[in-house]
Amino acid sequence: MIASKGQVTIPQEVRIRLGLLPHTEVEIEVAGDHGRIRKARHAAHPDARGNIAVRALHGKANARLSTAEIMAMTRGRTRRDASAR
């Protein structure tokens, strides 16, 4: 079904098969009475998916943590443990 804003939900199995991640640019080709959807030809190389995530997250953090504090968190320690070093 097409939503009121013209949006269509692509089933998960199709997205997986085509490698369509959030924010992936697509092209729609009209051929007679049907259309085709595919990744845009100028889309970033799949190895660049991390770049898309970084751009989406850039500037979103609001906590001021030191590198030591971040590393402590990834290792399951508290912020206080990191600052004591």
N, C-alpha and C. Protein backbone atom coordinates (compact mmCIF):
# COMPACT_ATOMS: atom_id res chain seq x y z
N MET A 1 0.85 -1.17 0.00
CA MET A 1 0.00 0.00 0.00
C MET A 1 0.90 1.24 0.00
N ILE A 2 0.48 2.27 -0.70
CA ILE A 2 1.22 3.53 -0.74
C ILE A 2 0.61 4.46 0.31
N ALA A 3 1.48 5.00 1.18
CA ALA A 3 1.03 5.92 2.23
C ALA A 3 0.64 7.26 1.59
N SER A 4 -0.01 8.11 2.37
CA SER A 4 -0.50 9.39 1.86
C SER A 4 0.63 10.28 1.34
N LYS A 5 1.85 10.09 1.84
CA LYS A 5 3.00 10.88 1.37
C LYS A 5 3.76 10.18 0.24
N GLY A 6 3.20 9.10 -0.30
CA GLY A 6 3.84 8.39 -1.40
C GLY A 6 4.88 7.38 -0.97
N GLN A 7 4.94 7.08 0.31
CA GLN A 7 5.94 6.15 0.82
C GLN A 7 5.47 4.71 0.69
N VAL A 8 6.44 3.83 0.42
CA VAL A 8 6.17 2.40 0.28
C VAL A 8 7.15 1.66 1.18
N THR A 9 6.67 0.66 1.90
CA THR A 9 7.55 -0.16 2.73
C THR A 9 8.06 -1.32 1.90
N ILE A 10 9.37 -1.46 1.85
CA ILE A 10 10.00 -2.56 1.12
C ILE A 10 10.16 -3.70 2.11
N PRO A 11 9.64 -4.89 1.80
CA PRO A 11 9.75 -6.01 2.74
C PRO A 11 11.20 -6.31 3.12
N GLN A 12 11.40 -6.73 4.36
CA GLN A 12 12.74 -6.97 4.89
C GLN A 12 13.53 -7.94 4.03
N GLU A 13 12.91 -9.03 3.58
CA GLU A 13 13.66 -10.02 2.79
C GLU A 13 14.16 -9.41 1.47
N VAL A 14 13.42 -8.47 0.91
CA VAL A 14 13.85 -7.79 -0.32
C VAL A 14 14.99 -6.83 0.01
N ARG A 15 14.86 -6.08 1.11
CA ARG A 15 15.93 -5.16 1.50
C ARG A 15 17.23 -5.90 1.74
N ILE A 16 17.14 -7.04 2.41
CA ILE A 16 18.34 -7.85 2.69
C ILE A 16 18.95 -8.34 1.39
N ARG A 17 18.13 -8.89 0.53
CA ARG A 17 18.63 -9.44 -0.74
C ARG A 17 19.30 -8.37 -1.60
N LEU A 18 18.75 -7.17 -1.60
CA LEU A 18 19.30 -6.09 -2.42
C LEU A 18 20.35 -5.25 -1.68
N GLY A 19 20.53 -5.51 -0.39
CA GLY A 19 21.50 -4.75 0.39
C GLY A 19 21.07 -3.32 0.61
N LEU A 20 19.78 -3.11 0.80
CA LEU A 20 19.23 -1.77 1.00
C LEU A 20 19.19 -1.47 2.49
N LEU A 21 20.13 -0.66 2.94
CA LEU A 21 20.19 -0.25 4.33
C LEU A 21 19.50 1.10 4.49
N PRO A 22 19.20 1.51 5.73
CA PRO A 22 18.64 2.85 5.91
C PRO A 22 19.54 3.90 5.26
N HIS A 23 18.95 4.85 4.62
CA HIS A 23 19.62 5.96 3.94
C HIS A 23 20.29 5.56 2.62
N THR A 24 20.05 4.31 2.15
CA THR A 24 20.58 3.90 0.85
C THR A 24 19.80 4.63 -0.23
N GLU A 25 20.51 5.23 -1.16
CA GLU A 25 19.84 5.89 -2.28
C GLU A 25 19.40 4.83 -3.27
N VAL A 26 18.20 5.01 -3.82
CA VAL A 26 17.66 4.06 -4.78
C VAL A 26 17.22 4.80 -6.04
N GLU A 27 17.10 4.04 -7.11
CA GLU A 27 16.56 4.54 -8.37
C GLU A 27 15.29 3.77 -8.67
N ILE A 28 14.32 4.44 -9.23
CA ILE A 28 13.10 3.78 -9.67
C ILE A 28 13.01 3.98 -11.18
N GLU A 29 12.91 2.87 -11.89
CA GLU A 29 12.83 2.89 -13.34
C GLU A 29 11.41 2.49 -13.74
N VAL A 30 10.78 3.30 -14.56
CA VAL A 30 9.43 3.00 -15.04
C VAL A 30 9.55 2.32 -16.39
N ALA A 31 8.89 1.18 -16.51
CA ALA A 31 8.90 0.42 -17.77
C ALA A 31 7.46 -0.01 -18.06
N GLY A 32 6.81 0.73 -18.93
CA GLY A 32 5.41 0.41 -19.24
C GLY A 32 4.53 0.67 -18.04
N ASP A 33 3.86 -0.39 -17.59
CA ASP A 33 2.94 -0.24 -16.45
C ASP A 33 3.53 -0.76 -15.14
N HIS A 34 4.85 -0.93 -15.08
CA HIS A 34 5.47 -1.38 -13.84
C HIS A 34 6.75 -0.59 -13.59
N GLY A 35 7.28 -0.74 -12.39
CA GLY A 35 8.50 -0.04 -12.02
C GLY A 35 9.50 -0.99 -11.39
N ARG A 36 10.77 -0.59 -11.45
CA ARG A 36 11.85 -1.37 -10.83
C ARG A 36 12.57 -0.47 -9.85
N ILE A 37 12.95 -1.05 -8.72
CA ILE A 37 13.73 -0.31 -7.73
C ILE A 37 15.08 -1.00 -7.59
N ARG A 38 16.13 -0.19 -7.49
CA ARG A 38 17.48 -0.74 -7.30
C ARG A 38 18.34 0.32 -6.62
N LYS A 39 19.48 -0.12 -6.11
CA LYS A 39 20.42 0.83 -5.53
C LYS A 39 20.80 1.82 -6.61
N ALA A 40 20.96 3.06 -6.22
CA ALA A 40 21.39 4.08 -7.17
C ALA A 40 22.76 3.71 -7.71
N ARG A 41 22.98 3.94 -8.97
CA ARG A 41 24.25 3.57 -9.60
C ARG A 41 25.41 4.33 -9.01
N HIS A 42 25.17 5.52 -8.52
CA HIS A 42 26.23 6.32 -7.92
C HIS A 42 26.34 6.09 -6.41
N ALA A 43 25.61 5.09 -5.91
CA ALA A 43 25.62 4.82 -4.47
C ALA A 43 27.02 4.45 -4.01
N ALA A 44 27.30 4.73 -2.76
CA ALA A 44 28.61 4.44 -2.18
C ALA A 44 28.89 2.94 -2.24
N HIS A 45 30.15 2.61 -2.34
CA HIS A 45 30.58 1.22 -2.31
C HIS A 45 30.13 0.61 -0.98
N PRO A 46 29.72 -0.69 -0.97
CA PRO A 46 29.26 -1.30 0.29
C PRO A 46 30.24 -1.17 1.45
N ASP A 47 31.54 -1.11 1.16
CA ASP A 47 32.53 -0.96 2.22
C ASP A 47 32.42 0.40 2.90
N ALA A 48 31.71 1.33 2.26
CA ALA A 48 31.58 2.68 2.81
C ALA A 48 30.37 2.82 3.73
N ARG A 49 29.69 1.71 4.05
CA ARG A 49 28.50 1.79 4.90
C ARG A 49 28.82 2.42 6.24
N GLY A 50 30.01 2.17 6.75
CA GLY A 50 30.41 2.78 8.03
C GLY A 50 30.44 4.29 7.93
N ASN A 51 30.81 4.80 6.77
CA ASN A 51 30.82 6.25 6.57
C ASN A 51 29.42 6.83 6.70
N ILE A 52 28.42 6.12 6.21
CA ILE A 52 27.04 6.57 6.33
C ILE A 52 26.64 6.64 7.80
N ALA A 53 27.02 5.63 8.57
CA ALA A 53 26.69 5.61 10.00
C ALA A 53 27.39 6.75 10.73
N VAL A 54 28.64 6.98 10.39
CA VAL A 54 29.39 8.06 11.04
C VAL A 54 28.73 9.40 10.74
N ARG A 55 28.36 9.64 9.48
CA ARG A 55 27.70 10.91 9.13
C ARG A 55 26.38 11.06 9.87
N ALA A 56 25.63 9.95 10.01
CA ALA A 56 24.34 10.02 10.69
C ALA A 56 24.50 10.34 12.17
N LEU A 57 25.58 9.88 12.78
CA LEU A 57 25.80 10.06 14.22
C LEU A 57 26.63 11.29 14.57
N HIS A 58 27.29 11.86 13.58
CA HIS A 58 28.18 12.99 13.82
C HIS A 58 27.43 14.13 14.53
N GLY A 59 28.00 14.57 15.64
CA GLY A 59 27.42 15.69 16.38
C GLY A 59 26.25 15.34 17.28
N LYS A 60 25.94 14.07 17.44
CA LYS A 60 24.78 13.66 18.24
C LYS A 60 25.12 13.48 19.71
N ALA A 61 26.37 13.21 20.03
CA ALA A 61 26.75 12.96 21.43
C ALA A 61 26.69 14.25 22.23
N ASN A 62 26.29 14.13 23.48
CA ASN A 62 26.23 15.31 24.33
C ASN A 62 27.03 15.14 25.62
N ALA A 63 27.60 13.97 25.83
CA ALA A 63 28.40 13.73 27.03
C ALA A 63 29.86 14.05 26.71
N ARG A 64 30.52 14.67 27.63
CA ARG A 64 31.94 14.98 27.46
C ARG A 64 32.75 13.92 28.19
N LEU A 65 33.21 12.94 27.45
CA LEU A 65 33.98 11.85 28.04
C LEU A 65 35.40 11.87 27.48
N SER A 66 36.33 11.51 28.33
CA SER A 66 37.70 11.37 27.85
C SER A 66 37.83 10.02 27.16
N THR A 67 38.90 9.86 26.41
CA THR A 67 39.14 8.57 25.76
C THR A 67 39.24 7.47 26.80
N ALA A 68 39.90 7.74 27.92
CA ALA A 68 40.03 6.73 28.99
C ALA A 68 38.66 6.34 29.54
N GLU A 69 37.77 7.30 29.69
CA GLU A 69 36.43 7.01 30.19
C GLU A 69 35.64 6.16 29.19
N ILE A 70 35.76 6.48 27.92
CA ILE A 70 35.06 5.70 26.89
C ILE A 70 35.59 4.28 26.87
N MET A 71 36.91 4.12 26.93
CA MET A 71 37.49 2.78 26.94
C MET A 71 37.06 2.00 28.18
N ALA A 72 36.97 2.66 29.32
CA ALA A 72 36.52 1.99 30.54
C ALA A 72 35.08 1.50 30.37
N MET A 73 34.25 2.32 29.75
CA MET A 73 32.85 1.93 29.53
C MET A 73 32.77 0.70 28.62
N THR A 74 33.61 0.66 27.56
CA THR A 74 33.57 -0.49 26.66
C THR A 74 34.08 -1.75 27.34
N ARG A 75 34.84 -1.57 28.41
CA ARG A 75 35.36 -2.73 29.15
C ARG A 75 34.54 -3.05 30.38
N GLY A 76 33.41 -2.37 30.53
CA GLY A 76 32.51 -2.67 31.64
C GLY A 76 32.86 -2.01 32.95
N ARG A 77 33.75 -1.03 32.91
CA ARG A 77 34.10 -0.31 34.13
C ARG A 77 33.32 1.00 34.21
N THR A 78 33.39 1.65 35.33
CA THR A 78 32.69 2.93 35.50
C THR A 78 33.57 4.08 35.09
N ARG A 79 32.98 5.26 34.96
CA ARG A 79 33.74 6.47 34.64
C ARG A 79 34.74 6.78 35.74
N ARG A 80 34.34 6.53 37.01
CA ARG A 80 35.22 6.80 38.14
C ARG A 80 36.47 5.94 38.08
N ASP A 81 36.29 4.66 37.66
CA ASP A 81 37.43 3.77 37.52
C ASP A 81 38.44 4.33 36.53
N ALA A 82 37.95 4.91 35.43
CA ALA A 82 38.83 5.43 34.38
C ALA A 82 39.57 6.68 34.86
N SER A 83 38.88 7.54 35.59
CA SER A 83 39.52 8.79 36.02
C SER A 83 40.51 8.57 37.15
N ALA A 84 40.44 7.42 37.82
CA ALA A 84 41.37 7.11 38.90
C ALA A 84 42.72 6.67 38.37
N ARG A 85 42.82 6.40 37.08
CA ARG A 85 44.09 5.93 36.50
C ARG A 85 44.99 7.04 36.16
